[in-house]
Amino acid sequence: MEPLRIGLIGEHQPAAVAHRAIPMALDRAAVTTGVPIEARWLPTAGLARDLAPALACDGLWAVPATPYADGNAAIAAIRRARETGLPFLGTCGGYQHALLEYARNVLGFGAAQHAEEHPEAALALIGRLSCDLVEVMGRVRLIPGSRMGLICGTLDLQVGYHCRFGLDPKYRSLFDGGPLRIVAEDPVGDARGFELDGHPFFFGTAFQPERAALAGHDHPLTVAFVRAAAEARSRRTAAAG
């Protein structure tokens, strides 16, 4: 069986815990699903020159450890995943950039920025958290009836973080009533995850589900992402005849 091609959007940083965990999580998911996986790092500086390597993948994972070398290139790749139905998972910084992509290209807020990259921006959609979530665990509540809840098999999660930025609460209402829905919240109601209705698989989390692999476990979101990528490849193969 040809390996499933999973593109990892971001610059590989060996010291980043998430970057050590993601290959382990994908290896575990390969065993669980029976689908071999080839993970490919996609540095954003390269994507700025040519998006083709991202579009040749069966699924895209926008990874933690930002700022990216070229945040706009990451957003461009995320946009193509959203518009073409390519399975997508964004964790931590990847989640933040997926929210930026949607705000700019769907909601019409072209000036939306990330405060880590543009601290003086008038519309800092992604702002500094009131309390840093660096190497901590926390509780997340999923919205009843959400796909994320169905995938995880529970509405209450204990999750691991390494982040200092997230969706500024004052801009959360921009996403109300649309297909991209906030479906995960922390105990005080701040956004911690989204899903996109009508897309085969388009999810983002402020937390890092890949960290489950460090404890020797699969995370349901990682496994579901791999399965969605395999199904998408099967559909494309069947359509090509």
C-alpha atoms as a PDB file:
ATOM      1  CA  MET A   1       0.000   0.000   0.000  1.00  0.00           C
ATOM      2  CA  GLU A   2       1.319   3.433  -0.914  1.00  0.00           C
ATOM      3  CA  PRO A   3       2.002   5.505   2.197  1.00  0.00           C
ATOM      4  CA  LEU A   4      -0.423   8.272   3.061  1.00  0.00           C
ATOM      5  CA  ARG A   5       1.243  11.646   2.527  1.00  0.00           C
ATOM      6  CA  ILE A   6       0.747  13.953   5.498  1.00  0.00           C
ATOM      7  CA  GLY A   7       2.193  17.440   5.120  1.00  0.00           C
ATOM      8  CA  LEU A   8       3.374  19.199   8.288  1.00  0.00           C
ATOM      9  CA  ILE A   9       3.111  22.952   7.760  1.00  0.00           C
ATOM     10  CA  GLY A  10       5.854  24.681   9.707  1.00  0.00           C
ATOM     11  CA  GLU A  11       9.578  24.802  10.330  1.00  0.00           C
ATOM     12  CA  HIS A  12      10.874  21.675  12.035  1.00  0.00           C
ATOM     13  CA  GLN A  13      12.281  22.515  15.465  1.00  0.00           C
ATOM     14  CA  PRO A  14      13.781  19.446  17.155  1.00  0.00           C
ATOM     15  CA  ALA A  15      13.580  21.113  20.582  1.00  0.00           C
ATOM     16  CA  ALA A  16       9.809  21.649  20.322  1.00  0.00           C
ATOM     17  CA  VAL A  17       7.930  19.007  22.307  1.00  0.00           C
ATOM     18  CA  ALA A  18       5.074  18.997  19.777  1.00  0.00           C
ATOM     19  CA  HIS A  19       7.496  18.408  16.913  1.00  0.00           C
ATOM     20  CA  ARG A  20       8.816  15.327  18.667  1.00  0.00           C
ATOM     21  CA  ALA A  21       5.290  14.176  19.477  1.00  0.00           C
ATOM     22  CA  ILE A  22       3.676  14.577  16.040  1.00  0.00           C
ATOM     23  CA  PRO A  23       5.733  11.900  14.227  1.00  0.00           C
ATOM     24  CA  MET A  24       5.099   9.575  17.171  1.00  0.00           C
ATOM     25  CA  ALA A  25       1.365  10.321  17.004  1.00  0.00           C
ATOM     26  CA  LEU A  26       1.296   9.623  13.272  1.00  0.00           C
ATOM     27  CA  ASP A  27       3.253   6.380  13.733  1.00  0.00           C
ATOM     28  CA  ARG A  28       0.710   5.255  16.317  1.00  0.00           C
ATOM     29  CA  ALA A  29      -2.188   6.244  14.060  1.00  0.00           C
ATOM     30  CA  ALA A  30      -0.622   4.263  11.208  1.00  0.00           C
ATOM     31  CA  VAL A  31      -0.658   1.137  13.363  1.00  0.00           C
ATOM     32  CA  THR A  32      -4.206   1.778  14.595  1.00  0.00           C
ATOM     33  CA  THR A  33      -5.633   2.419  11.119  1.00  0.00           C
ATOM     34  CA  GLY A  34      -3.458  -0.033   9.207  1.00  0.00           C
ATOM     35  CA  VAL A  35      -2.460   2.762   6.816  1.00  0.00           C
ATOM     36  CA  PRO A  36       1.263   3.479   6.330  1.00  0.00           C
ATOM     37  CA  ILE A  37       2.112   7.164   6.658  1.00  0.00           C
ATOM     38  CA  GLU A  38       4.861   9.317   5.191  1.00  0.00           C
ATOM     39  CA  ALA A  39       5.108  12.615   7.064  1.00  0.00           C
ATOM     40  CA  ARG A  40       6.619  15.484   5.098  1.00  0.00           C
ATOM     41  CA  TRP A  41       7.776  18.731   6.674  1.00  0.00           C
ATOM     42  CA  LEU A  42       6.645  21.735   4.628  1.00  0.00           C
ATOM     43  CA  PRO A  43       8.657  24.808   5.678  1.00  0.00           C
ATOM     44  CA  THR A  44       6.593  27.922   5.123  1.00  0.00           C
ATOM     45  CA  ALA A  45       9.449  29.729   3.379  1.00  0.00           C
ATOM     46  CA  GLY A  46       9.266  27.042   0.704  1.00  0.00           C
ATOM     47  CA  LEU A  47       5.484  27.222   0.518  1.00  0.00           C
ATOM     48  CA  ALA A  48       5.785  30.959  -0.114  1.00  0.00           C
ATOM     49  CA  ARG A  49       7.545  30.091  -3.369  1.00  0.00           C
ATOM     50  CA  ASP A  50       5.409  27.108  -4.345  1.00  0.00           C
ATOM     51  CA  LEU A  51       2.291  25.589  -2.761  1.00  0.00           C
ATOM     52  CA  ALA A  52       2.501  22.456  -4.923  1.00  0.00           C
ATOM     53  CA  PRO A  53       4.166  20.282  -2.240  1.00  0.00           C
ATOM     54  CA  ALA A  54       1.236  20.965   0.096  1.00  0.00           C
ATOM     55  CA  LEU A  55      -1.346  20.233  -2.586  1.00  0.00           C
ATOM     56  CA  ALA A  56       0.345  16.896  -3.339  1.00  0.00           C
ATOM     57  CA  CYS A  57      -0.410  15.692   0.190  1.00  0.00           C
ATOM     58  CA  ASP A  58      -3.373  13.612   1.333  1.00  0.00           C
ATOM     59  CA  GLY A  59      -3.793  15.702   4.492  1.00  0.00           C
ATOM     60  CA  LEU A  60      -2.260  18.826   6.007  1.00  0.00           C
ATOM     61  CA  TRP A  61      -1.368  19.428   9.653  1.00  0.00           C
ATOM     62  CA  ALA A  62      -0.440  23.002  10.604  1.00  0.00           C
ATOM     63  CA  VAL A  63       1.834  22.447  13.562  1.00  0.00           C
ATOM     64  CA  PRO A  64       2.761  24.337  16.748  1.00  0.00           C
ATOM     65  CA  ALA A  65       5.919  26.407  17.327  1.00  0.00           C
ATOM     66  CA  THR A  66       5.162  29.769  15.785  1.00  0.00           C
ATOM     67  CA  PRO A  67       5.813  32.358  14.515  1.00  0.00           C
ATOM     68  CA  TYR A  68       6.202  30.607  11.183  1.00  0.00           C
ATOM     69  CA  ALA A  69       8.915  31.876   8.860  1.00  0.00           C
ATOM     70  CA  ASP A  70       6.108  32.995   6.522  1.00  0.00           C
ATOM     71  CA  GLY A  71       2.702  33.127   8.202  1.00  0.00           C
ATOM     72  CA  ASN A  72       0.971  34.218   5.002  1.00  0.00           C
ATOM     73  CA  ALA A  73       2.252  31.121   3.188  1.00  0.00           C
ATOM     74  CA  ALA A  74       0.863  28.924   5.963  1.00  0.00           C
ATOM     75  CA  ILE A  75      -2.471  30.718   5.617  1.00  0.00           C
ATOM     76  CA  ALA A  76      -2.435  30.195   1.847  1.00  0.00           C
ATOM     77  CA  ALA A  77      -1.930  26.446   2.290  1.00  0.00           C
ATOM     78  CA  ILE A  78      -4.682  26.292   4.917  1.00  0.00           C
ATOM     79  CA  ARG A  79      -7.008  28.131   2.535  1.00  0.00           C
ATOM     80  CA  ARG A  80      -6.424  25.567  -0.198  1.00  0.00           C
ATOM     81  CA  ALA A  81      -7.175  22.753   2.261  1.00  0.00           C
ATOM     82  CA  ARG A  82     -10.417  24.461   3.268  1.00  0.00           C
ATOM     83  CA  GLU A  83     -11.530  25.231  -0.285  1.00  0.00           C
ATOM     84  CA  THR A  84     -10.623  21.862  -1.841  1.00  0.00           C
ATOM     85  CA  GLY A  85     -11.847  19.542   0.905  1.00  0.00           C
ATOM     86  CA  LEU A  86      -8.341  18.385   1.810  1.00  0.00           C
ATOM     87  CA  PRO A  87      -8.352  17.009   5.381  1.00  0.00           C
ATOM     88  CA  PHE A  88      -6.793  19.513   7.757  1.00  0.00           C
ATOM     89  CA  LEU A  89      -5.767  19.600  11.391  1.00  0.00           C
ATOM     90  CA  GLY A  90      -4.329  22.681  13.059  1.00  0.00           C
ATOM     91  CA  THR A  91      -2.939  22.488  16.588  1.00  0.00           C
ATOM     92  CA  CYS A  92      -1.803  25.402  18.746  1.00  0.00           C
ATOM     93  CA  GLY A  93      -0.191  27.851  16.270  1.00  0.00           C
ATOM     94  CA  GLY A  94      -1.811  25.972  13.387  1.00  0.00           C
ATOM     95  CA  TYR A  95      -5.222  26.461  14.993  1.00  0.00           C
ATOM     96  CA  GLN A  96      -4.504  30.173  15.365  1.00  0.00           C
ATOM     97  CA  HIS A  97      -3.536  30.557  11.706  1.00  0.00           C
ATOM     98  CA  ALA A  98      -6.609  28.645  10.543  1.00  0.00           C
ATOM     99  CA  LEU A  99      -8.789  31.131  12.427  1.00  0.00           C
ATOM    100  CA  LEU A 100      -6.888  33.970  10.760  1.00  0.00           C
ATOM    101  CA  GLU A 101      -7.380  32.390   7.337  1.00  0.00           C
ATOM    102  CA  TYR A 102     -11.115  32.087   7.819  1.00  0.00           C
ATOM    103  CA  ALA A 103     -11.478  35.596   9.219  1.00  0.00           C
ATOM    104  CA  ARG A 104      -9.592  37.091   6.293  1.00  0.00           C
ATOM    105  CA  ASN A 105     -10.913  35.062   3.382  1.00  0.00           C
ATOM    106  CA  VAL A 106     -14.448  34.137   4.428  1.00  0.00           C
ATOM    107  CA  LEU A 107     -15.553  36.748   6.941  1.00  0.00           C
ATOM    108  CA  GLY A 108     -13.909  39.596   5.050  1.00  0.00           C
ATOM    109  CA  PHE A 109     -11.603  40.878   7.796  1.00  0.00           C
ATOM    110  CA  GLY A 110      -8.517  41.224   5.637  1.00  0.00           C
ATOM    111  CA  ALA A 111      -6.736  43.238   8.315  1.00  0.00           C
ATOM    112  CA  ALA A 112      -6.937  40.431  10.892  1.00  0.00           C
ATOM    113  CA  GLN A 113      -3.506  39.736  12.350  1.00  0.00           C
ATOM    114  CA  HIS A 114      -1.611  37.689  14.891  1.00  0.00           C
ATOM    115  CA  ALA A 115      -0.360  39.747  17.835  1.00  0.00           C
ATOM    116  CA  GLU A 116       2.810  37.658  18.068  1.00  0.00           C
ATOM    117  CA  GLU A 117       3.768  38.853  14.577  1.00  0.00           C
ATOM    118  CA  HIS A 118       2.034  42.252  14.569  1.00  0.00           C
ATOM    119  CA  PRO A 119       1.651  43.452  18.170  1.00  0.00           C
ATOM    120  CA  GLU A 120       0.430  46.894  17.091  1.00  0.00           C
ATOM    121  CA  ALA A 121      -2.272  45.610  14.717  1.00  0.00           C
ATOM    122  CA  ALA A 122      -5.642  47.345  14.954  1.00  0.00           C
ATOM    123  CA  LEU A 123      -7.404  43.983  14.571  1.00  0.00           C
ATOM    124  CA  ALA A 124      -5.315  41.467  16.510  1.00  0.00           C
ATOM    125  CA  LEU A 125      -7.687  38.510  16.118  1.00  0.00           C
ATOM    126  CA  ILE A 126      -5.109  36.272  17.766  1.00  0.00           C
ATOM    127  CA  GLY A 127      -4.025  37.982  20.976  1.00  0.00           C
ATOM    128  CA  ARG A 128      -1.923  37.273  24.028  1.00  0.00           C
ATOM    129  CA  LEU A 129      -3.657  35.009  26.517  1.00  0.00           C
ATOM    130  CA  SER A 130      -4.487  36.517  29.887  1.00  0.00           C
ATOM    131  CA  CYS A 131      -2.551  33.611  31.399  1.00  0.00           C
ATOM    132  CA  ASP A 132       0.127  31.711  29.503  1.00  0.00           C
ATOM    133  CA  LEU A 133      -0.585  28.022  28.945  1.00  0.00           C
ATOM    134  CA  VAL A 134       2.964  26.736  28.764  1.00  0.00           C
ATOM    135  CA  GLU A 135       3.523  23.066  29.584  1.00  0.00           C
ATOM    136  CA  VAL A 136       0.300  22.845  31.555  1.00  0.00           C
ATOM    137  CA  MET A 137      -2.747  20.589  31.540  1.00  0.00           C
ATOM    138  CA  GLY A 138      -6.260  21.949  31.510  1.00  0.00           C
ATOM    139  CA  ARG A 139      -9.899  20.974  31.208  1.00  0.00           C
ATOM    140  CA  VAL A 140     -11.809  21.499  27.961  1.00  0.00           C
ATOM    141  CA  ARG A 141     -15.542  21.120  27.459  1.00  0.00           C
ATOM    142  CA  LEU A 142     -16.855  20.178  24.013  1.00  0.00           C
ATOM    143  CA  ILE A 143     -20.189  21.384  22.687  1.00  0.00           C
ATOM    144  CA  PRO A 144     -22.908  18.672  22.725  1.00  0.00           C
ATOM    145  CA  GLY A 145     -23.603  17.399  19.221  1.00  0.00           C
ATOM    146  CA  SER A 146     -20.245  18.559  17.845  1.00  0.00           C
ATOM    147  CA  ARG A 147     -18.262  16.295  15.530  1.00  0.00           C
ATOM    148  CA  MET A 148     -15.281  16.773  17.813  1.00  0.00           C
ATOM    149  CA  GLY A 149     -17.311  15.436  20.705  1.00  0.00           C
ATOM    150  CA  LEU A 150     -18.406  12.434  18.669  1.00  0.00           C
ATOM    151  CA  ILE A 151     -14.827  11.729  17.601  1.00  0.00           C
ATOM    152  CA  CYS A 152     -13.470  12.031  21.138  1.00  0.00           C
ATOM    153  CA  GLY A 153     -16.323  10.018  22.646  1.00  0.00           C
ATOM    154  CA  THR A 154     -16.684  12.459  25.527  1.00  0.00           C
ATOM    155  CA  LEU A 155     -17.470  16.109  26.131  1.00  0.00           C
ATOM    156  CA  ASP A 156     -14.871  16.534  28.875  1.00  0.00           C
ATOM    157  CA  LEU A 157     -11.181  16.435  28.047  1.00  0.00           C
ATOM    158  CA  GLN A 158      -7.964  16.916  29.988  1.00  0.00           C
ATOM    159  CA  VAL A 159      -5.519  18.383  27.493  1.00  0.00           C
ATOM    160  CA  GLY A 160      -1.937  19.602  27.255  1.00  0.00           C
ATOM    161  CA  TYR A 161      -0.888  23.062  26.118  1.00  0.00           C
ATOM    162  CA  HIS A 162       2.165  25.044  25.160  1.00  0.00           C
ATOM    163  CA  CYS A 163       0.824  28.403  24.004  1.00  0.00           C
ATOM    164  CA  ARG A 164       0.755  32.069  24.848  1.00  0.00           C
ATOM    165  CA  PHE A 165      -1.714  33.264  22.190  1.00  0.00           C
ATOM    166  CA  GLY A 166      -5.300  32.479  21.217  1.00  0.00           C
ATOM    167  CA  LEU A 167      -8.520  33.870  19.806  1.00  0.00           C
ATOM    168  CA  ASP A 168      -9.148  37.214  21.525  1.00  0.00           C
ATOM    169  CA  PRO A 169     -12.510  36.814  23.322  1.00  0.00           C
ATOM    170  CA  LYS A 170     -13.729  40.153  22.000  1.00  0.00           C
ATOM    171  CA  TYR A 171     -13.623  38.754  18.450  1.00  0.00           C
ATOM    172  CA  ARG A 172     -15.237  35.409  19.150  1.00  0.00           C
ATOM    173  CA  SER A 173     -18.673  36.676  18.061  1.00  0.00           C
ATOM    174  CA  LEU A 174     -17.324  37.088  14.512  1.00  0.00           C
ATOM    175  CA  PHE A 175     -17.674  33.322  14.153  1.00  0.00           C
ATOM    176  CA  ASP A 176     -21.214  33.086  15.506  1.00  0.00           C
ATOM    177  CA  GLY A 177     -23.794  31.596  13.154  1.00  0.00           C
ATOM    178  CA  GLY A 178     -21.344  30.453  10.494  1.00  0.00           C
ATOM    179  CA  PRO A 179     -20.090  27.042   9.401  1.00  0.00           C
ATOM    180  CA  LEU A 180     -16.799  27.423  11.277  1.00  0.00           C
ATOM    181  CA  ARG A 181     -17.946  26.918  14.840  1.00  0.00           C
ATOM    182  CA  ILE A 182     -16.165  27.168  18.173  1.00  0.00           C
ATOM    183  CA  VAL A 183     -16.875  23.775  19.730  1.00  0.00           C
ATOM    184  CA  ALA A 184     -14.313  23.576  22.543  1.00  0.00           C
ATOM    185  CA  GLU A 185     -14.079  25.914  25.533  1.00  0.00           C
ATOM    186  CA  ASP A 186     -12.021  26.151  28.685  1.00  0.00           C
ATOM    187  CA  PRO A 187     -13.742  26.439  32.091  1.00  0.00           C
ATOM    188  CA  VAL A 188     -14.202  30.217  31.743  1.00  0.00           C
ATOM    189  CA  GLY A 189     -15.653  29.925  28.232  1.00  0.00           C
ATOM    190  CA  ASP A 190     -12.637  30.934  26.140  1.00  0.00           C
ATOM    191  CA  ALA A 191     -12.324  29.279  22.723  1.00  0.00           C
ATOM    192  CA  ARG A 192     -10.105  26.235  22.580  1.00  0.00           C
ATOM    193  CA  GLY A 193     -11.176  24.460  19.377  1.00  0.00           C
ATOM    194  CA  PHE A 194     -13.226  24.704  16.184  1.00  0.00           C
ATOM    195  CA  GLU A 195     -14.697  22.565  13.425  1.00  0.00           C
ATOM    196  CA  LEU A 196     -15.895  23.476   9.938  1.00  0.00           C
ATOM    197  CA  ASP A 197     -19.324  22.176   8.956  1.00  0.00           C
ATOM    198  CA  GLY A 198     -19.616  20.758   5.445  1.00  0.00           C
ATOM    199  CA  HIS A 199     -15.911  19.889   5.153  1.00  0.00           C
ATOM    200  CA  PRO A 200     -14.706  16.254   5.237  1.00  0.00           C
ATOM    201  CA  PHE A 201     -12.283  17.084   8.058  1.00  0.00           C
ATOM    202  CA  PHE A 202     -11.260  20.596   9.096  1.00  0.00           C
ATOM    203  CA  PHE A 203     -10.499  20.929  12.804  1.00  0.00           C
ATOM    204  CA  GLY A 204      -8.313  23.096  14.991  1.00  0.00           C
ATOM    205  CA  THR A 205      -7.389  22.998  18.661  1.00  0.00           C
ATOM    206  CA  ALA A 206      -5.531  25.406  20.924  1.00  0.00           C
ATOM    207  CA  PHE A 207      -4.336  22.337  22.804  1.00  0.00           C
ATOM    208  CA  GLN A 208      -1.948  19.728  21.437  1.00  0.00           C
ATOM    209  CA  PRO A 209      -3.607  16.313  21.012  1.00  0.00           C
ATOM    210  CA  GLU A 210      -0.335  14.959  19.628  1.00  0.00           C
ATOM    211  CA  ARG A 211       1.034  14.941  23.185  1.00  0.00           C
ATOM    212  CA  ALA A 212      -0.983  11.809  23.923  1.00  0.00           C
ATOM    213  CA  ALA A 213       1.673   9.888  21.987  1.00  0.00           C
ATOM    214  CA  LEU A 214       4.305  10.909  24.531  1.00  0.00           C
ATOM    215  CA  ALA A 215       2.313   8.954  27.114  1.00  0.00           C
ATOM    216  CA  GLY A 216       1.953   5.991  24.771  1.00  0.00           C
ATOM    217  CA  HIS A 217      -1.626   6.677  23.689  1.00  0.00           C
ATOM    218  CA  ASP A 218      -3.528   7.520  20.530  1.00  0.00           C
ATOM    219  CA  HIS A 219      -5.628  10.670  20.512  1.00  0.00           C
ATOM    220  CA  PRO A 220      -8.988  10.241  18.750  1.00  0.00           C
ATOM    221  CA  LEU A 221      -8.526  13.452  16.737  1.00  0.00           C
ATOM    222  CA  THR A 222      -5.203  12.278  15.314  1.00  0.00           C
ATOM    223  CA  VAL A 223      -6.634   8.903  14.340  1.00  0.00           C
ATOM    224  CA  ALA A 224      -9.727  10.532  12.813  1.00  0.00           C
ATOM    225  CA  PHE A 225      -7.520  12.897  10.811  1.00  0.00           C
ATOM    226  CA  VAL A 226      -5.526   9.994   9.357  1.00  0.00           C
ATOM    227  CA  ARG A 227      -8.698   8.089   8.503  1.00  0.00           C
ATOM    228  CA  ALA A 228     -10.152  11.170   6.801  1.00  0.00           C
ATOM    229  CA  ALA A 229      -6.970  11.605   4.757  1.00  0.00           C
ATOM    230  CA  ALA A 230      -7.095   7.948   3.692  1.00  0.00           C
ATOM    231  CA  GLU A 231     -10.752   8.274   2.690  1.00  0.00           C
ATOM    232  CA  ALA A 232     -10.040  11.450   0.735  1.00  0.00           C
ATOM    233  CA  ARG A 233      -7.260   9.706  -1.172  1.00  0.00           C
ATOM    234  CA  SER A 234      -9.563   6.799  -1.962  1.00  0.00           C
ATOM    235  CA  ARG A 235     -12.183   9.188  -3.329  1.00  0.00           C
ATOM    236  CA  ARG A 236      -9.632  10.950  -5.528  1.00  0.00           C
ATOM    237  CA  THR A 237      -8.283   7.637  -6.802  1.00  0.00           C
ATOM    238  CA  ALA A 238     -11.792   6.412  -7.631  1.00  0.00           C
ATOM    239  CA  ALA A 239     -12.649   9.684  -9.389  1.00  0.00           C
ATOM    240  CA  ALA A 240      -9.481   9.442 -11.493  1.00  0.00           C
ATOM    241  CA  GLY A 241     -10.606   6.040 -12.692  1.00  0.00           C
END
